[in-house]
Amino acid sequence: MDLFILRHGIALEHGARGYKEPERPLTPKGERKLWQVAEAMESMKLTFDLIVSSPYTRARQTAELIAEALNLRRQLEFSESLIPGGRVRDLVALIAHYHPTPDSVLLVGHEPYLSELISLLICGETNALLTFKKGGLCKLVTDSLKPGRCASLEWLLTPKQMGLMT
């Protein structure tokens, strides 16, 4: 399985007036940068059998924008297992629920959860030091997804690097 992990785009700051934590939306700059990310994903000919996103507004908007750009709206679903503090076991169980197992999955969520998830899947522990920018995209490869060391890191791209691809 190819497992792609995308951090949500630039959103309003924590404590932005009038927004509770789950409701903070993307900024206009965040949306513009995500369109560049989507264009890079398209130029890399990426496609996904399943897109799973945190339901928090900024992640939902990110996933919807990517799904729209790649014409994959029907593959999109939302899961509490990708919110900050989500449970990796629940996420793995959700993906394992699909038959046949998807060949290519995109996960959209938040830091530090996503870096901890990547670390867990490649090292078996959650303490690898990763810099995962907003709008960054990571590719892992695994033969059998499980909560623990099961994947190899193929690449980790910043939005700036993806912007150079378009």
Protein backbone atom coordinates (compact mmCIF):
# COMPACT_ATOMS: atom_id res chain seq x y z
CA MET A 1 0.00 0.00 0.00
CA ASP A 2 1.11 3.52 -0.78
CA LEU A 3 0.19 5.69 2.19
CA PHE A 4 0.27 9.43 1.57
CA ILE A 5 0.03 11.85 4.49
CA LEU A 6 -0.90 15.49 3.97
CA ARG A 7 -0.85 18.16 6.65
CA HIS A 8 -3.68 20.67 6.39
CA GLY A 9 -2.96 24.05 4.82
CA ILE A 10 -2.34 27.38 6.53
CA ALA A 11 -5.28 28.20 8.82
CA LEU A 12 -6.28 31.01 11.14
CA GLU A 13 -4.09 31.14 14.24
CA HIS A 14 -5.01 29.40 17.50
CA GLY A 15 -7.37 31.60 19.47
CA ALA A 16 -8.61 33.49 16.39
CA ARG A 17 -11.57 35.55 17.45
CA GLY A 18 -14.91 33.88 16.83
CA TYR A 19 -13.49 30.39 16.15
CA LYS A 20 -13.27 27.40 18.45
CA GLU A 21 -10.35 25.02 17.84
CA PRO A 22 -12.10 22.53 15.54
CA GLU A 23 -13.65 25.34 13.46
CA ARG A 24 -10.56 27.32 12.40
CA PRO A 25 -10.69 27.60 8.58
CA LEU A 26 -7.95 27.86 6.00
CA THR A 27 -6.73 31.34 5.16
CA PRO A 28 -6.88 32.60 1.56
CA LYS A 29 -3.08 32.12 1.41
CA GLY A 30 -3.52 28.58 2.70
CA GLU A 31 -6.05 27.82 -0.05
CA ARG A 32 -3.77 29.27 -2.76
CA LYS A 33 -0.83 27.17 -1.60
CA LEU A 34 -2.99 24.04 -1.49
CA TRP A 35 -4.01 24.57 -5.11
CA GLN A 36 -0.28 24.49 -5.93
CA VAL A 37 0.04 21.29 -3.89
CA ALA A 38 -2.89 19.81 -5.83
CA GLU A 39 -1.26 20.79 -9.13
CA ALA A 40 1.98 19.10 -8.02
CA MET A 41 0.05 15.98 -7.01
CA GLU A 42 -1.58 15.98 -10.43
CA SER A 43 1.79 16.41 -12.19
CA MET A 44 3.11 13.44 -10.16
CA LYS A 45 0.07 11.51 -11.42
CA LEU A 46 -1.03 10.69 -7.87
CA THR A 47 -4.42 9.15 -7.39
CA PHE A 48 -6.04 7.63 -4.33
CA ASP A 49 -8.48 4.78 -3.73
CA LEU A 50 -9.39 6.36 -0.40
CA ILE A 51 -8.98 9.81 1.16
CA VAL A 52 -9.53 10.02 4.92
CA SER A 53 -9.48 13.38 6.68
CA SER A 54 -9.88 14.81 10.12
CA PRO A 55 -13.32 16.45 10.34
CA TYR A 56 -11.80 19.67 11.76
CA THR A 57 -12.60 22.53 9.39
CA ARG A 58 -9.07 23.26 8.16
CA ALA A 59 -8.34 19.58 7.43
CA ARG A 60 -11.78 19.04 5.89
CA GLN A 61 -11.26 22.04 3.60
CA THR A 62 -7.81 20.74 2.64
CA ALA A 63 -9.12 17.27 1.81
CA GLU A 64 -12.10 18.66 -0.12
CA LEU A 65 -9.86 20.95 -2.17
CA ILE A 66 -7.49 18.08 -3.07
CA ALA A 67 -10.39 15.70 -3.81
CA GLU A 68 -12.00 18.30 -6.05
CA ALA A 69 -8.75 19.09 -7.89
CA LEU A 70 -8.06 15.39 -8.52
CA ASN A 71 -11.71 14.53 -9.23
CA LEU A 72 -11.83 12.10 -6.29
CA ARG A 73 -14.77 13.45 -4.25
CA ARG A 74 -16.37 9.99 -3.95
CA GLN A 75 -13.24 8.58 -2.29
CA LEU A 76 -13.40 11.14 0.54
CA GLU A 77 -14.48 10.39 4.08
CA PHE A 78 -13.88 11.83 7.52
CA SER A 79 -12.70 10.17 10.71
CA GLU A 80 -12.18 11.21 14.31
CA SER A 81 -9.09 8.98 14.26
CA LEU A 82 -7.23 11.83 12.47
CA ILE A 83 -8.07 14.66 14.89
CA PRO A 84 -5.30 15.86 17.21
CA GLY A 85 -5.07 13.14 19.82
CA GLY A 86 -6.68 10.56 17.51
CA ARG A 87 -5.91 6.88 17.92
CA VAL A 88 -3.62 5.10 15.45
CA ARG A 89 -5.31 1.75 16.15
CA ASP A 90 -8.67 3.23 15.11
CA LEU A 91 -7.13 4.64 11.94
CA VAL A 92 -5.52 1.32 11.01
CA ALA A 93 -8.79 -0.51 11.72
CA LEU A 94 -10.70 1.95 9.51
CA ILE A 95 -8.36 1.35 6.56
CA ALA A 96 -8.33 -2.44 7.18
CA HIS A 97 -12.14 -2.37 7.03
CA TYR A 98 -12.01 -1.86 3.24
CA HIS A 99 -12.13 -4.90 0.98
CA PRO A 100 -10.26 -5.09 -1.18
CA THR A 101 -7.57 -3.22 0.70
CA PRO A 102 -6.92 0.12 -1.01
CA ASP A 103 -3.63 0.35 -2.91
CA SER A 104 -3.28 4.09 -2.38
CA VAL A 105 -4.58 6.06 0.63
CA LEU A 106 -4.32 9.77 1.43
CA LEU A 107 -4.61 10.84 5.08
CA VAL A 108 -5.21 14.51 5.93
CA GLY A 109 -4.71 15.79 9.44
CA HIS A 110 -2.77 17.80 12.00
CA GLU A 111 0.54 18.13 13.79
CA PRO A 112 2.00 16.75 15.95
CA TYR A 113 -0.20 13.68 15.35
CA LEU A 114 0.92 13.18 11.74
CA SER A 115 4.65 13.33 12.53
CA GLU A 116 4.09 10.89 15.38
CA LEU A 117 2.14 8.62 13.03
CA ILE A 118 4.91 8.70 10.41
CA SER A 119 7.53 8.04 13.11
CA LEU A 120 5.53 5.13 14.54
CA LEU A 121 5.05 3.51 11.14
CA ILE A 122 8.71 3.83 10.08
CA CYS A 123 10.52 3.46 13.45
CA GLY A 124 8.11 1.76 15.81
CA GLU A 125 8.22 4.76 18.15
CA THR A 126 6.69 8.24 18.01
CA ASN A 127 9.82 10.26 18.79
CA ALA A 128 11.56 10.68 15.40
CA LEU A 129 12.19 14.36 14.77
CA LEU A 130 10.35 15.39 11.61
CA THR A 131 9.58 18.83 10.23
CA PHE A 132 6.20 18.53 8.55
CA LYS A 133 5.12 21.88 7.11
CA LYS A 134 1.50 22.93 6.63
CA GLY A 135 0.57 21.59 3.21
CA GLY A 136 3.50 19.14 3.29
CA LEU A 137 3.09 15.69 1.75
CA CYS A 138 4.72 12.43 2.77
CA LYS A 139 4.76 9.03 1.05
CA LEU A 140 5.15 5.79 2.98
CA VAL A 141 5.05 2.28 1.53
CA THR A 142 3.87 -0.74 3.49
CA ASP A 143 2.97 -4.35 2.73
CA SER A 144 0.83 -4.62 5.86
CA LEU A 145 -0.42 -1.55 7.72
CA LYS A 146 -0.37 -1.98 11.49
CA PRO A 147 0.20 0.24 14.55
CA GLY A 148 3.97 -0.07 14.77
CA ARG A 149 7.00 -0.34 12.53
CA CYS A 150 5.62 -1.49 9.19
CA ALA A 151 6.48 1.12 6.54
CA SER A 152 9.35 2.75 4.74
CA LEU A 153 9.61 6.44 4.03
CA GLU A 154 9.80 7.16 0.29
CA TRP A 155 9.74 10.97 0.53
CA LEU A 156 8.62 14.01 2.49
CA LEU A 157 7.97 17.18 0.47
CA THR A 158 7.39 20.75 1.57
CA PRO A 159 4.75 22.90 -0.14
CA LYS A 160 7.59 25.01 -1.55
CA GLN A 161 9.15 21.98 -3.21
CA MET A 162 5.77 20.98 -4.65
CA GLY A 163 5.26 24.53 -5.91
CA LEU A 164 8.43 24.13 -7.99
CA MET A 165 6.90 21.08 -9.71
CA THR A 166 4.08 23.02 -11.35
